[in-house]
Amino acid sequence: CGLRALNAHGARSIRMTIDRYTHASEILDEIARHRLRVREVPVTVIYH
């Protein structure tokens, strides 16, 4: 999905090293690596 919301601790913990569309997976990998808490919230996605 690519939509992410982080608190200040989470934002400081995550290190982005890649760009383009793979950033969505990299963020989730970093969340797992740092054992950050996650809560999913449903969103509506409109594809064109």
All heavy atoms as atom14 arrays in JSON, in Angstrom:
{
  "sequence": "CGLRALNAHGARSIRMTIDRYTHASEILDEIARHRLRVREVPVTVIYH",
  "atom14_mask": [
    [1, 1, 1, 1, 1, 1, 0, 0, 0, 0, 0, 0, 0, 0],
    [1, 1, 1, 1, 0, 0, 0, 0, 0, 0, 0, 0, 0, 0],
    [1, 1, 1, 1, 1, 1, 1, 1, 0, 0, 0, 0, 0, 0],
    [1, 1, 1, 1, 1, 1, 1, 1, 1, 1, 1, 0, 0, 0],
    [1, 1, 1, 1, 1, 0, 0, 0, 0, 0, 0, 0, 0, 0],
    [1, 1, 1, 1, 1, 1, 1, 1, 0, 0, 0, 0, 0, 0],
    [1, 1, 1, 1, 1, 1, 1, 1, 0, 0, 0, 0, 0, 0],
    [1, 1, 1, 1, 1, 0, 0, 0, 0, 0, 0, 0, 0, 0],
    [1, 1, 1, 1, 1, 1, 1, 1, 1, 1, 0, 0, 0, 0],
    [1, 1, 1, 1, 0, 0, 0, 0, 0, 0, 0, 0, 0, 0],
    [1, 1, 1, 1, 1, 0, 0, 0, 0, 0, 0, 0, 0, 0],
    [1, 1, 1, 1, 1, 1, 1, 1, 1, 1, 1, 0, 0, 0],
    [1, 1, 1, 1, 1, 1, 0, 0, 0, 0, 0, 0, 0, 0],
    [1, 1, 1, 1, 1, 1, 1, 1, 0, 0, 0, 0, 0, 0],
    [1, 1, 1, 1, 1, 1, 1, 1, 1, 1, 1, 0, 0, 0],
    [1, 1, 1, 1, 1, 1, 1, 1, 0, 0, 0, 0, 0, 0],
    [1, 1, 1, 1, 1, 1, 1, 0, 0, 0, 0, 0, 0, 0],
    [1, 1, 1, 1, 1, 1, 1, 1, 0, 0, 0, 0, 0, 0],
    [1, 1, 1, 1, 1, 1, 1, 1, 0, 0, 0, 0, 0, 0],
    [1, 1, 1, 1, 1, 1, 1, 1, 1, 1, 1, 0, 0, 0],
    [1, 1, 1, 1, 1, 1, 1, 1, 1, 1, 1, 1, 0, 0],
    [1, 1, 1, 1, 1, 1, 1, 0, 0, 0, 0, 0, 0, 0],
    [1, 1, 1, 1, 1, 1, 1, 1, 1, 1, 0, 0, 0, 0],
    [1, 1, 1, 1, 1, 0, 0, 0, 0, 0, 0, 0, 0, 0],
    [1, 1, 1, 1, 1, 1, 0, 0, 0, 0, 0, 0, 0, 0],
    [1, 1, 1, 1, 1, 1, 1, 1, 1, 0, 0, 0, 0, 0],
    [1, 1, 1, 1, 1, 1, 1, 1, 0, 0, 0, 0, 0, 0],
    [1, 1, 1, 1, 1, 1, 1, 1, 0, 0, 0, 0, 0, 0],
    [1, 1, 1, 1, 1, 1, 1, 1, 0, 0, 0, 0, 0, 0],
    [1, 1, 1, 1, 1, 1, 1, 1, 1, 0, 0, 0, 0, 0],
    [1, 1, 1, 1, 1, 1, 1, 1, 0, 0, 0, 0, 0, 0],
    [1, 1, 1, 1, 1, 0, 0, 0, 0, 0, 0, 0, 0, 0],
    [1, 1, 1, 1, 1, 1, 1, 1, 1, 1, 1, 0, 0, 0],
    [1, 1, 1, 1, 1, 1, 1, 1, 1, 1, 0, 0, 0, 0],
    [1, 1, 1, 1, 1, 1, 1, 1, 1, 1, 1, 0, 0, 0],
    [1, 1, 1, 1, 1, 1, 1, 1, 0, 0, 0, 0, 0, 0],
    [1, 1, 1, 1, 1, 1, 1, 1, 1, 1, 1, 0, 0, 0],
    [1, 1, 1, 1, 1, 1, 1, 0, 0, 0, 0, 0, 0, 0],
    [1, 1, 1, 1, 1, 1, 1, 1, 1, 1, 1, 0, 0, 0],
    [1, 1, 1, 1, 1, 1, 1, 1, 1, 0, 0, 0, 0, 0],
    [1, 1, 1, 1, 1, 1, 1, 0, 0, 0, 0, 0, 0, 0],
    [1, 1, 1, 1, 1, 1, 1, 0, 0, 0, 0, 0, 0, 0],
    [1, 1, 1, 1, 1, 1, 1, 0, 0, 0, 0, 0, 0, 0],
    [1, 1, 1, 1, 1, 1, 1, 0, 0, 0, 0, 0, 0, 0],
    [1, 1, 1, 1, 1, 1, 1, 0, 0, 0, 0, 0, 0, 0],
    [1, 1, 1, 1, 1, 1, 1, 1, 0, 0, 0, 0, 0, 0],
    [1, 1, 1, 1, 1, 1, 1, 1, 1, 1, 1, 1, 0, 0],
    [1, 1, 1, 1, 1, 1, 1, 1, 1, 1, 0, 0, 0, 0]
  ],
  "atom14_positions": [
    [[0.84, -1.2, 0.0], [0.0, 0.0, 0.0], [0.87, 1.25, 0.0], [0.6, 2.2, -0.71], [-0.93, -0.01, 1.21], [-1.82, 1.52, 1.47], [0.0, 0.0, 0.0], [0.0, 0.0, 0.0], [0.0, 0.0, 0.0], [0.0, 0.0, 0.0], [0.0, 0.0, 0.0], [0.0, 0.0, 0.0], [0.0, 0.0, 0.0], [0.0, 0.0, 0.0]],
    [[1.91, 1.29, 0.79], [2.81, 2.43, 0.82], [2.42, 3.51, 1.82], [3.21, 4.39, 2.12], [0.0, 0.0, 0.0], [0.0, 0.0, 0.0], [0.0, 0.0, 0.0], [0.0, 0.0, 0.0], [0.0, 0.0, 0.0], [0.0, 0.0, 0.0], [0.0, 0.0, 0.0], [0.0, 0.0, 0.0], [0.0, 0.0, 0.0], [0.0, 0.0, 0.0]],
    [[1.21, 3.47, 2.34], [0.79, 4.47, 3.33], [1.3, 4.03, 4.7], [0.96, 2.96, 5.18], [-0.73, 4.61, 3.34], [-1.3, 5.59, 4.37], [-0.81, 7.01, 4.08], [-2.81, 5.53, 4.35], [0.0, 0.0, 0.0], [0.0, 0.0, 0.0], [0.0, 0.0, 0.0], [0.0, 0.0, 0.0], [0.0, 0.0, 0.0], [0.0, 0.0, 0.0]],
    [[2.13, 4.85, 5.33], [2.7, 4.53, 6.63], [2.61, 5.76, 7.53], [2.81, 6.89, 7.08], [4.18, 4.14, 6.52], [4.48, 3.05, 5.54], [4.1, 1.68, 6.07], [4.47, 0.66, 5.12], [3.63, 0.03, 4.32], [2.36, 0.32, 4.37], [4.04, -0.89, 3.49], [0.0, 0.0, 0.0], [0.0, 0.0, 0.0], [0.0, 0.0, 0.0]],
    [[2.35, 5.53, 8.79], [2.39, 6.59, 9.8], [3.28, 6.09, 10.92], [3.14, 4.96, 11.37], [0.99, 6.88, 10.33], [0.0, 0.0, 0.0], [0.0, 0.0, 0.0], [0.0, 0.0, 0.0], [0.0, 0.0, 0.0], [0.0, 0.0, 0.0], [0.0, 0.0, 0.0], [0.0, 0.0, 0.0], [0.0, 0.0, 0.0], [0.0, 0.0, 0.0]],
    [[4.22, 6.91, 11.33], [5.19, 6.51, 12.35], [5.23, 7.56, 13.46], [5.09, 8.75, 13.19], [6.59, 6.4, 11.74], [6.75, 5.46, 10.56], [8.08, 5.72, 9.87], [6.68, 4.03, 11.03], [0.0, 0.0, 0.0], [0.0, 0.0, 0.0], [0.0, 0.0, 0.0], [0.0, 0.0, 0.0], [0.0, 0.0, 0.0], [0.0, 0.0, 0.0]],
    [[5.47, 7.09, 14.68], [5.72, 8.06, 15.74], [7.19, 8.49, 15.63], [7.94, 7.99, 14.79], [5.37, 7.49, 17.12], [6.23, 6.31, 17.51], [7.28, 6.05, 16.92], [5.77, 5.57, 18.5], [0.0, 0.0, 0.0], [0.0, 0.0, 0.0], [0.0, 0.0, 0.0], [0.0, 0.0, 0.0], [0.0, 0.0, 0.0], [0.0, 0.0, 0.0]],
    [[7.62, 9.4, 16.46], [8.98, 9.95, 16.36], [10.03, 8.85, 16.55], [11.03, 8.81, 15.82], [9.17, 11.05, 17.39], [0.0, 0.0, 0.0], [0.0, 0.0, 0.0], [0.0, 0.0, 0.0], [0.0, 0.0, 0.0], [0.0, 0.0, 0.0], [0.0, 0.0, 0.0], [0.0, 0.0, 0.0], [0.0, 0.0, 0.0], [0.0, 0.0, 0.0]],
    [[9.83, 7.95, 17.5], [10.8, 6.87, 17.72], [10.91, 5.98, 16.48], [12.01, 5.63, 16.05], [10.38, 6.03, 18.94], [11.2, 4.79, 19.1], [12.51, 4.82, 19.5], [10.88, 3.49, 18.9], [12.98, 3.57, 19.54], [12.0, 2.75, 19.18], [0.0, 0.0, 0.0], [0.0, 0.0, 0.0], [0.0, 0.0, 0.0], [0.0, 0.0, 0.0]],
    [[9.78, 5.62, 15.9], [9.78, 4.78, 14.7], [10.47, 5.47, 13.53], [11.26, 4.85, 12.81], [0.0, 0.0, 0.0], [0.0, 0.0, 0.0], [0.0, 0.0, 0.0], [0.0, 0.0, 0.0], [0.0, 0.0, 0.0], [0.0, 0.0, 0.0], [0.0, 0.0, 0.0], [0.0, 0.0, 0.0], [0.0, 0.0, 0.0], [0.0, 0.0, 0.0]],
    [[10.19, 6.74, 13.35], [10.8, 7.5, 12.25], [12.31, 7.6, 12.41], [13.06, 7.51, 11.44], [10.19, 8.89, 12.16], [0.0, 0.0, 0.0], [0.0, 0.0, 0.0], [0.0, 0.0, 0.0], [0.0, 0.0, 0.0], [0.0, 0.0, 0.0], [0.0, 0.0, 0.0], [0.0, 0.0, 0.0], [0.0, 0.0, 0.0], [0.0, 0.0, 0.0]],
    [[12.79, 7.75, 13.64], [14.23, 7.81, 13.87], [14.88, 6.45, 13.71], [16.07, 6.36, 13.38], [14.52, 8.35, 15.28], [14.34, 9.84, 15.42], [14.87, 10.35, 16.74], [14.23, 9.72, 17.88], [13.14, 10.17, 18.5], [12.58, 11.28, 18.08], [12.62, 9.54, 19.51], [0.0, 0.0, 0.0], [0.0, 0.0, 0.0], [0.0, 0.0, 0.0]],
    [[14.16, 5.38, 13.93], [14.71, 4.03, 13.88], [14.91, 3.51, 12.46], [15.81, 2.72, 12.21], [13.79, 3.05, 14.62], [13.65, 3.42, 15.96], [0.0, 0.0, 0.0], [0.0, 0.0, 0.0], [0.0, 0.0, 0.0], [0.0, 0.0, 0.0], [0.0, 0.0, 0.0], [0.0, 0.0, 0.0], [0.0, 0.0, 0.0], [0.0, 0.0, 0.0]],
    [[14.08, 3.95, 11.55], [14.09, 3.4, 10.2], [15.11, 4.1, 9.32], [15.16, 5.33, 9.26], [12.68, 3.51, 9.58], [11.75, 2.56, 10.32], [12.7, 3.21, 8.09], [10.33, 2.61, 9.87], [0.0, 0.0, 0.0], [0.0, 0.0, 0.0], [0.0, 0.0, 0.0], [0.0, 0.0, 0.0], [0.0, 0.0, 0.0], [0.0, 0.0, 0.0]],
    [[15.92, 3.3, 8.66], [16.93, 3.83, 7.75], [16.56, 3.4, 6.33], [16.54, 2.21, 6.03], [18.31, 3.29, 8.11], [19.39, 3.82, 7.23], [20.77, 3.43, 7.75], [21.77, 3.88, 6.82], [22.46, 3.08, 6.03], [22.29, 1.78, 6.1], [23.35, 3.56, 5.19], [0.0, 0.0, 0.0], [0.0, 0.0, 0.0], [0.0, 0.0, 0.0]],
    [[16.27, 4.35, 5.48], [15.91, 4.07, 4.09], [17.17, 4.07, 3.23], [17.96, 5.01, 3.3], [14.94, 5.13, 3.58], [13.65, 5.22, 4.36], [12.62, 3.78, 4.18], [12.19, 3.91, 2.47], [0.0, 0.0, 0.0], [0.0, 0.0, 0.0], [0.0, 0.0, 0.0], [0.0, 0.0, 0.0], [0.0, 0.0, 0.0], [0.0, 0.0, 0.0]],
    [[17.33, 3.02, 2.42], [18.51, 2.94, 1.56], [18.14, 2.79, 0.09], [19.02, 2.88, -0.76], [19.39, 1.75, 1.97], [18.63, 0.53, 1.83], [19.89, 1.9, 3.39], [0.0, 0.0, 0.0], [0.0, 0.0, 0.0], [0.0, 0.0, 0.0], [0.0, 0.0, 0.0], [0.0, 0.0, 0.0], [0.0, 0.0, 0.0], [0.0, 0.0, 0.0]],
    [[16.88, 2.52, -0.2], [16.47, 2.32, -1.59], [15.33, 3.27, -1.93], [14.71, 3.85, -1.06], [16.05, 0.86, -1.85], [14.94, 0.43, -0.89], [17.23, -0.07, -1.76], [14.47, -0.98, -1.11], [0.0, 0.0, 0.0], [0.0, 0.0, 0.0], [0.0, 0.0, 0.0], [0.0, 0.0, 0.0], [0.0, 0.0, 0.0], [0.0, 0.0, 0.0]],
    [[15.08, 3.41, -3.22], [14.01, 4.3, -3.65], [13.04, 3.55, -4.54], [13.06, 2.35, -4.63], [14.6, 5.53, -4.37], [15.38, 5.13, -5.61], [15.49, 3.94, -5.92], [15.9, 6.04, -6.29], [0.0, 0.0, 0.0], [0.0, 0.0, 0.0], [0.0, 0.0, 0.0], [0.0, 0.0, 0.0], [0.0, 0.0, 0.0], [0.0, 0.0, 0.0]],
    [[12.2, 4.28, -5.17], [11.18, 3.75, -6.06], [10.18, 2.92, -5.26], [9.99, 3.14, -4.08], [11.79, 3.02, -7.23], [12.8, 3.94, -7.98], [13.27, 3.42, -9.28], [12.26, 3.12, -10.25], [11.74, 3.98, -11.13], [12.1, 5.22, -11.11], [10.86, 3.59, -12.01], [0.0, 0.0, 0.0], [0.0, 0.0, 0.0], [0.0, 0.0, 0.0]],
    [[9.52, 1.96, -5.89], [8.41, 1.26, -5.27], [8.81, 0.27, -4.18], [7.98, -0.13, -3.39], [7.59, 0.53, -6.33], [6.82, 1.47, -7.21], [7.25, 1.75, -8.5], [5.68, 2.11, -6.73], [6.54, 2.62, -9.3], [4.97, 2.99, -7.53], [5.41, 3.23, -8.81], [4.71, 4.11, -9.59], [0.0, 0.0, 0.0], [0.0, 0.0, 0.0]],
    [[10.06, -0.12, -4.11], [10.45, -1.1, -3.1], [10.56, -0.49, -1.71], [10.79, -1.2, -0.75], [11.78, -1.79, -3.48], [12.75, -0.78, -3.76], [11.6, -2.67, -4.69], [0.0, 0.0, 0.0], [0.0, 0.0, 0.0], [0.0, 0.0, 0.0], [0.0, 0.0, 0.0], [0.0, 0.0, 0.0], [0.0, 0.0, 0.0], [0.0, 0.0, 0.0]],
    [[10.38, 0.82, -1.59], [10.44, 1.45, -0.26], [9.37, 0.89, 0.67], [9.59, 0.8, 1.87], [10.29, 2.96, -0.37], [8.89, 3.41, -0.64], [8.34, 3.38, -1.91], [7.91, 3.82, 0.2], [7.08, 3.78, -1.83], [6.79, 4.06, -0.57], [0.0, 0.0, 0.0], [0.0, 0.0, 0.0], [0.0, 0.0, 0.0], [0.0, 0.0, 0.0]],
    [[8.22, 0.5, 0.13], [7.14, -0.03, 0.97], [7.59, -1.27, 1.72], [7.31, -1.43, 2.91], [5.9, -0.32, 0.12], [0.0, 0.0, 0.0], [0.0, 0.0, 0.0], [0.0, 0.0, 0.0], [0.0, 0.0, 0.0], [0.0, 0.0, 0.0], [0.0, 0.0, 0.0], [0.0, 0.0, 0.0], [0.0, 0.0, 0.0], [0.0, 0.0, 0.0]],
    [[8.31, -2.15, 1.04], [8.82, -3.36, 1.69], [9.98, -3.04, 2.62], [10.12, -3.64, 3.68], [9.28, -4.38, 0.65], [8.17, -4.85, -0.07], [0.0, 0.0, 0.0], [0.0, 0.0, 0.0], [0.0, 0.0, 0.0], [0.0, 0.0, 0.0], [0.0, 0.0, 0.0], [0.0, 0.0, 0.0], [0.0, 0.0, 0.0], [0.0, 0.0, 0.0]],
    [[10.83, -2.1, 2.23], [11.97, -1.75, 3.07], [11.5, -1.2, 4.42], [12.06, -1.54, 5.47], [12.88, -0.73, 2.38], [14.11, -0.42, 3.22], [15.05, 0.56, 2.55], [14.58, 1.42, 1.78], [16.25, 0.45, 2.81], [0.0, 0.0, 0.0], [0.0, 0.0, 0.0], [0.0, 0.0, 0.0], [0.0, 0.0, 0.0], [0.0, 0.0, 0.0]],
    [[10.47, -0.38, 4.42], [9.94, 0.16, 5.67], [9.46, -0.98, 6.56], [9.75, -1.02, 7.76], [8.81, 1.16, 5.4], [9.38, 2.43, 4.76], [8.07, 1.51, 6.69], [8.31, 3.39, 4.26], [0.0, 0.0, 0.0], [0.0, 0.0, 0.0], [0.0, 0.0, 0.0], [0.0, 0.0, 0.0], [0.0, 0.0, 0.0], [0.0, 0.0, 0.0]],
    [[8.73, -1.95, 5.98], [8.24, -3.08, 6.78], [9.39, -3.94, 7.29], [9.34, -4.44, 8.42], [7.26, -3.91, 5.95], [6.0, -3.16, 5.53], [5.12, -4.05, 4.67], [5.23, -2.64, 6.73], [0.0, 0.0, 0.0], [0.0, 0.0, 0.0], [0.0, 0.0, 0.0], [0.0, 0.0, 0.0], [0.0, 0.0, 0.0], [0.0, 0.0, 0.0]],
    [[10.43, -4.11, 6.5], [11.61, -4.86, 6.96], [12.27, -4.15, 8.15], [12.67, -4.78, 9.13], [12.64, -5.01, 5.83], [12.17, -5.91, 4.72], [11.18, -6.66, 4.92], [12.79, -5.88, 3.64], [0.0, 0.0, 0.0], [0.0, 0.0, 0.0], [0.0, 0.0, 0.0], [0.0, 0.0, 0.0], [0.0, 0.0, 0.0], [0.0, 0.0, 0.0]],
    [[12.38, -2.83, 8.06], [12.98, -2.05, 9.14], [12.11, -2.1, 10.4], [12.63, -2.19, 11.52], [13.18, -0.6, 8.69], [14.33, -0.41, 7.74], [15.67, -0.53, 8.45], [15.98, 0.32, 9.3], [16.4, -1.5, 8.15], [0.0, 0.0, 0.0], [0.0, 0.0, 0.0], [0.0, 0.0, 0.0], [0.0, 0.0, 0.0], [0.0, 0.0, 0.0]],
    [[10.81, -2.07, 10.24], [9.9, -2.18, 11.38], [10.12, -3.51, 12.09], [10.21, -3.57, 13.32], [8.43, -2.02, 10.92], [8.16, -0.56, 10.59], [7.46, -2.54, 11.98], [6.83, -0.31, 9.9], [0.0, 0.0, 0.0], [0.0, 0.0, 0.0], [0.0, 0.0, 0.0], [0.0, 0.0, 0.0], [0.0, 0.0, 0.0], [0.0, 0.0, 0.0]],
    [[10.24, -4.59, 11.32], [10.48, -5.91, 11.91], [11.85, -5.97, 12.57], [12.0, -6.49, 13.67], [10.35, -6.99, 10.84], [0.0, 0.0, 0.0], [0.0, 0.0, 0.0], [0.0, 0.0, 0.0], [0.0, 0.0, 0.0], [0.0, 0.0, 0.0], [0.0, 0.0, 0.0], [0.0, 0.0, 0.0], [0.0, 0.0, 0.0], [0.0, 0.0, 0.0]],
    [[12.86, -5.41, 11.9], [14.24, -5.47, 12.43], [14.35, -4.75, 13.76], [15.04, -5.2, 14.68], [15.19, -4.84, 11.41], [16.66, -4.96, 11.77], [17.54, -4.61, 10.59], [17.62, -3.2, 10.34], [18.48, -2.37, 10.92], [19.34, -2.82, 11.81], [18.5, -1.1, 10.61], [0.0, 0.0, 0.0], [0.0, 0.0, 0.0], [0.0, 0.0, 0.0]],
    [[13.65, -3.64, 13.89], [13.7, -2.86, 15.14], [12.6, -3.25, 16.12], [12.47, -2.64, 17.18], [13.61, -1.36, 14.83], [14.8, -0.83, 14.11], [16.03, -0.68, 14.7], [14.96, -0.45, 12.81], [16.89, -0.2, 13.83], [16.27, -0.06, 12.67], [0.0, 0.0, 0.0], [0.0, 0.0, 0.0], [0.0, 0.0, 0.0], [0.0, 0.0, 0.0]],
    [[11.8, -4.25, 15.74], [10.71, -4.76, 16.58], [9.76, -3.65, 17.03], [9.39, -3.56, 18.2], [11.27, -5.52, 17.77], [12.04, -6.74, 17.33], [12.5, -7.54, 18.49], [13.13, -8.75, 17.95], [14.01, -9.46, 18.59], [14.37, -9.11, 19.81], [14.52, -10.53, 18.04], [0.0, 0.0, 0.0], [0.0, 0.0, 0.0], [0.0, 0.0, 0.0]],
    [[9.4, -2.81, 16.07], [8.46, -1.74, 16.36], [7.04, -2.28, 16.34], [6.74, -3.24, 15.64], [8.61, -0.62, 15.31], [10.0, 0.02, 15.23], [10.07, 0.99, 14.07], [10.35, 0.74, 16.53], [0.0, 0.0, 0.0], [0.0, 0.0, 0.0], [0.0, 0.0, 0.0], [0.0, 0.0, 0.0], [0.0, 0.0, 0.0], [0.0, 0.0, 0.0]],
    [[6.18, -1.67, 17.11], [4.77, -2.08, 17.14], [4.07, -1.6, 15.87], [4.37, -0.53, 15.36], [4.07, -1.51, 18.36], [4.5, -2.2, 19.64], [3.72, -1.68, 20.82], [4.06, -0.27, 21.04], [3.31, 0.59, 21.69], [2.16, 0.22, 22.19], [3.7, 1.83, 21.85], [0.0, 0.0, 0.0], [0.0, 0.0, 0.0], [0.0, 0.0, 0.0]],
    [[3.12, -2.41, 15.43], [2.37, -2.1, 14.21], [0.89, -2.23, 14.47], [0.45, -3.14, 15.17], [2.77, -3.08, 13.07], [1.9, -2.87, 11.85], [4.23, -2.93, 12.72], [0.0, 0.0, 0.0], [0.0, 0.0, 0.0], [0.0, 0.0, 0.0], [0.0, 0.0, 0.0], [0.0, 0.0, 0.0], [0.0, 0.0, 0.0], [0.0, 0.0, 0.0]],
    [[0.14, -1.33, 13.9], [-1.32, -1.45, 13.91], [-1.8, -1.08, 12.52], [-1.5, 0.0, 12.01], [-1.95, -0.51, 14.94], [-3.45, -0.64, 14.98], [-4.04, 0.16, 16.1], [-3.7, 1.57, 15.99], [-4.59, 2.55, 16.0], [-5.86, 2.29, 16.14], [-4.2, 3.79, 15.9], [0.0, 0.0, 0.0], [0.0, 0.0, 0.0], [0.0, 0.0, 0.0]],
    [[-2.53, -1.99, 11.91], [-3.08, -1.71, 10.58], [-4.42, -1.0, 10.71], [-5.22, -1.32, 11.58], [-3.28, -3.01, 9.8], [-1.98, -3.61, 9.33], [-2.21, -4.68, 8.3], [-2.64, -5.78, 8.7], [-1.98, -4.41, 7.11], [0.0, 0.0, 0.0], [0.0, 0.0, 0.0], [0.0, 0.0, 0.0], [0.0, 0.0, 0.0], [0.0, 0.0, 0.0]],
    [[-4.61, -0.02, 9.84], [-5.85, 0.72, 9.79], [-6.33, 0.67, 8.33], [-5.57, 0.98, 7.42], [-5.63, 2.2, 10.21], [-6.9, 2.99, 10.08], [-5.07, 2.26, 11.62], [0.0, 0.0, 0.0], [0.0, 0.0, 0.0], [0.0, 0.0, 0.0], [0.0, 0.0, 0.0], [0.0, 0.0, 0.0], [0.0, 0.0, 0.0], [0.0, 0.0, 0.0]],
    [[-7.58, 0.26, 8.11], [-8.05, 0.16, 6.73], [-8.07, 1.51, 6.02], [-8.4, 2.53, 6.62], [-9.48, -0.36, 6.87], [-9.61, -0.85, 8.27], [-8.58, -0.15, 9.09], [0.0, 0.0, 0.0], [0.0, 0.0, 0.0], [0.0, 0.0, 0.0], [0.0, 0.0, 0.0], [0.0, 0.0, 0.0], [0.0, 0.0, 0.0], [0.0, 0.0, 0.0]],
    [[-7.66, 1.5, 4.76], [-7.72, 2.69, 3.92], [-8.36, 2.3, 2.59], [-8.35, 1.14, 2.21], [-6.33, 3.31, 3.66], [-5.7, 3.79, 4.94], [-5.42, 2.34, 2.95], [0.0, 0.0, 0.0], [0.0, 0.0, 0.0], [0.0, 0.0, 0.0], [0.0, 0.0, 0.0], [0.0, 0.0, 0.0], [0.0, 0.0, 0.0], [0.0, 0.0, 0.0]],
    [[-8.92, 3.27, 1.92], [-9.49, 3.04, 0.6], [-8.46, 3.48, -0.44], [-7.96, 4.6, -0.39], [-10.79, 3.83, 0.4], [-11.71, 3.41, 1.41], [-11.38, 3.6, -0.97], [0.0, 0.0, 0.0], [0.0, 0.0, 0.0], [0.0, 0.0, 0.0], [0.0, 0.0, 0.0], [0.0, 0.0, 0.0], [0.0, 0.0, 0.0], [0.0, 0.0, 0.0]],
    [[-8.15, 2.6, -1.36], [-7.19, 2.9, -2.42], [-7.96, 2.98, -3.73], [-8.73, 2.08, -4.06], [-6.1, 1.81, -2.51], [-5.13, 2.13, -3.63], [-5.37, 1.68, -1.19], [0.0, 0.0, 0.0], [0.0, 0.0, 0.0], [0.0, 0.0, 0.0], [0.0, 0.0, 0.0], [0.0, 0.0, 0.0], [0.0, 0.0, 0.0], [0.0, 0.0, 0.0]],
    [[-7.74, 4.04, -4.46], [-8.38, 4.21, -5.77], [-7.3, 4.07, -6.84], [-6.37, 4.87, -6.9], [-9.07, 5.58, -5.88], [-10.14, 5.71, -4.8], [-9.65, 5.77, -7.27], [-10.72, 7.1, -4.68], [0.0, 0.0, 0.0], [0.0, 0.0, 0.0], [0.0, 0.0, 0.0], [0.0, 0.0, 0.0], [0.0, 0.0, 0.0], [0.0, 0.0, 0.0]],
    [[-7.41, 3.03, -7.64], [-6.45, 2.8, -8.71], [-6.97, 3.43, -10.0], [-8.14, 3.31, -10.33], [-6.21, 1.31, -8.91], [-5.52, 0.68, -7.73], [-6.24, -0.05, -6.79], [-4.15, 0.82, -7.56], [-5.6, -0.62, -5.7], [-3.51, 0.25, -6.47], [-4.24, -0.47, -5.55], [-3.61, -1.03, -4.47], [0.0, 0.0, 0.0], [0.0, 0.0, 0.0]],
    [[-6.11, 4.1, -10.71], [-6.47, 4.73, -11.97], [-6.07, 3.82, -13.13], [-5.22, 2.95, -12.99], [-5.75, 6.08, -12.1], [-6.12, 7.02, -11.0], [-7.28, 7.75, -11.0], [-5.49, 7.33, -9.84], [-7.35, 8.48, -9.91], [-6.27, 8.24, -9.18], [0.0, 0.0, 0.0], [0.0, 0.0, 0.0], [0.0, 0.0, 0.0], [0.0, 0.0, 0.0]]
  ]
}
